[in-house]
Amino acid sequence: MMTGGSAPRARIIVVNAGSSSLKLRLLGPADEVTAAFDLDRWDGRPEHTELGEFLSGLSVDAVGHRVVHGGSRFIDATVIDDSVTAAIADLTDLAPLHQPRALAGIAAVRSALPGVPAVA
């Protein structure tokens, strides 16, 4: 039995990198959207200035990335590290329009928020 209230919930960024757009949502402790960033015509560059500015102003506990295809290897949420990004890149043939953009989103957020755990 828990006393003294429940533990605080995390602030999570959800990243949806599409074939031509990028959408980020910061979810607060009650799963409410507390900040949003959209690039309707994203060129896939991880070093996009506005994206970096948006991310640098946030306090984040974790990041969740939408990746279109995980092949047979990734069937559940997976913590992202260098080996996972390489494996996602190896699956580009399964979703050639989306995988490179998902990887660019991962790179952009990783660069702006180093050390923040990320899941795909």
Protein backbone atom coordinates (compact mmCIF):
# COMPACT_ATOMS: atom_id res chain seq x y z
CA MET A 1 0.00 0.00 0.00
CA MET A 2 1.31 3.40 -0.99
CA THR A 3 1.05 6.29 1.43
CA GLY A 4 1.66 9.97 1.00
CA GLY A 5 0.34 10.18 -2.56
CA SER A 6 1.60 8.75 -5.80
CA ALA A 7 4.98 9.23 -7.40
CA PRO A 8 5.30 12.14 -9.84
CA ARG A 9 4.83 11.22 -13.48
CA ALA A 10 7.42 11.90 -16.13
CA ARG A 11 7.49 14.62 -18.78
CA ILE A 12 7.79 12.85 -22.12
CA ILE A 13 8.36 14.14 -25.63
CA VAL A 14 6.60 12.15 -28.33
CA VAL A 15 8.28 12.49 -31.74
CA ASN A 16 6.44 11.71 -34.97
CA ALA A 17 8.78 12.11 -37.93
CA GLY A 18 6.81 11.64 -41.12
CA SER A 19 8.01 11.49 -44.71
CA SER A 20 7.75 15.29 -45.01
CA SER A 21 6.76 16.61 -41.58
CA LEU A 22 7.93 16.53 -37.99
CA LYS A 23 5.63 16.78 -34.97
CA LEU A 24 6.66 16.85 -31.33
CA ARG A 25 4.42 16.91 -28.28
CA LEU A 26 5.54 17.34 -24.69
CA LEU A 27 3.26 15.43 -22.36
CA GLY A 28 3.03 16.61 -18.78
CA PRO A 29 2.51 14.62 -15.60
CA ALA A 30 -1.20 14.06 -16.30
CA ASP A 31 -0.57 13.11 -19.96
CA GLU A 32 -1.68 16.56 -21.07
CA VAL A 33 0.05 18.28 -24.00
CA THR A 34 2.05 21.11 -22.46
CA ALA A 35 4.04 22.14 -25.53
CA ALA A 36 3.94 21.37 -29.24
CA PHE A 37 6.18 21.88 -32.24
CA ASP A 38 5.30 21.17 -35.89
CA LEU A 39 7.34 21.45 -39.05
CA ASP A 40 4.93 20.87 -41.94
CA ARG A 41 7.73 20.80 -44.50
CA TRP A 42 10.71 19.32 -42.72
CA ASP A 43 13.72 18.63 -44.91
CA GLY A 44 15.02 15.95 -42.54
CA ARG A 45 17.97 17.96 -41.24
CA PRO A 46 18.58 17.10 -37.59
CA GLU A 47 20.23 20.47 -36.99
CA HIS A 48 17.08 22.52 -37.80
CA THR A 49 17.35 25.80 -35.85
CA GLU A 50 13.73 26.10 -34.69
CA LEU A 51 13.67 22.46 -33.60
CA GLY A 52 16.81 22.93 -31.53
CA GLU A 53 15.39 26.06 -29.93
CA PHE A 54 12.16 24.27 -29.02
CA LEU A 55 13.96 21.31 -27.48
CA SER A 56 16.54 23.37 -25.60
CA GLY A 57 13.83 25.14 -23.63
CA LEU A 58 12.26 21.95 -22.25
CA SER A 59 12.72 19.84 -19.15
CA VAL A 60 12.25 16.26 -20.31
CA ASP A 61 12.50 12.88 -18.58
CA ALA A 62 12.18 10.63 -21.65
CA VAL A 63 11.51 10.63 -25.38
CA GLY A 64 9.28 8.34 -27.43
CA HIS A 65 9.89 8.05 -31.18
CA ARG A 66 7.43 6.68 -33.72
CA VAL A 67 9.31 4.40 -36.09
CA VAL A 68 7.25 2.96 -38.94
CA HIS A 69 8.94 -0.41 -39.25
CA GLY A 70 10.86 -2.55 -36.80
CA GLY A 71 10.96 -5.66 -38.93
CA SER A 72 10.83 -8.89 -36.95
CA ARG A 73 13.48 -7.69 -34.50
CA PHE A 74 11.64 -4.77 -32.91
CA ILE A 75 8.13 -5.80 -31.94
CA ASP A 76 7.98 -3.96 -28.60
CA ALA A 77 9.16 -0.59 -27.33
CA THR A 78 12.95 -0.59 -27.37
CA VAL A 79 15.45 1.71 -25.68
CA ILE A 80 17.42 3.49 -28.38
CA ASP A 81 21.20 3.22 -28.45
CA ASP A 82 23.72 3.19 -31.31
CA SER A 83 23.07 -0.46 -32.13
CA VAL A 84 19.31 0.15 -32.31
CA THR A 85 19.71 3.14 -34.62
CA ALA A 86 21.97 1.05 -36.87
CA ALA A 87 19.38 -1.74 -36.92
CA ILE A 88 16.60 0.74 -37.75
CA ALA A 89 18.75 2.06 -40.60
CA ASP A 90 19.18 -1.51 -41.86
CA LEU A 91 15.37 -1.73 -42.14
CA THR A 92 15.08 1.25 -44.50
CA ASP A 93 14.06 -0.96 -47.42
CA LEU A 94 10.87 -1.81 -45.51
CA ALA A 95 9.81 1.86 -45.21
CA PRO A 96 12.08 3.95 -47.45
CA LEU A 97 10.15 7.20 -47.02
CA HIS A 98 9.82 7.01 -43.25
CA GLN A 99 12.86 5.23 -41.77
CA PRO A 100 15.40 7.93 -42.76
CA ARG A 101 13.13 10.60 -41.26
CA ALA A 102 12.67 8.65 -38.04
CA LEU A 103 16.45 8.33 -37.79
CA ALA A 104 16.84 12.07 -38.43
CA GLY A 105 14.32 12.77 -35.66
CA ILE A 106 16.21 10.47 -33.32
CA ALA A 107 19.49 12.23 -34.17
CA ALA A 108 17.99 15.69 -33.71
CA VAL A 109 16.48 14.96 -30.32
CA ARG A 110 19.54 13.05 -29.14
CA SER A 111 21.73 16.00 -30.10
CA ALA A 112 19.53 18.55 -28.35
CA LEU A 113 18.81 16.40 -25.29
CA PRO A 114 21.92 14.29 -24.67
CA GLY A 115 21.54 11.72 -21.95
CA VAL A 116 17.73 11.74 -22.00
CA PRO A 117 16.50 8.14 -22.44
CA ALA A 118 14.69 7.50 -25.71
CA VAL A 119 12.45 4.65 -26.81
CA ALA A 120 11.28 3.62 -30.29
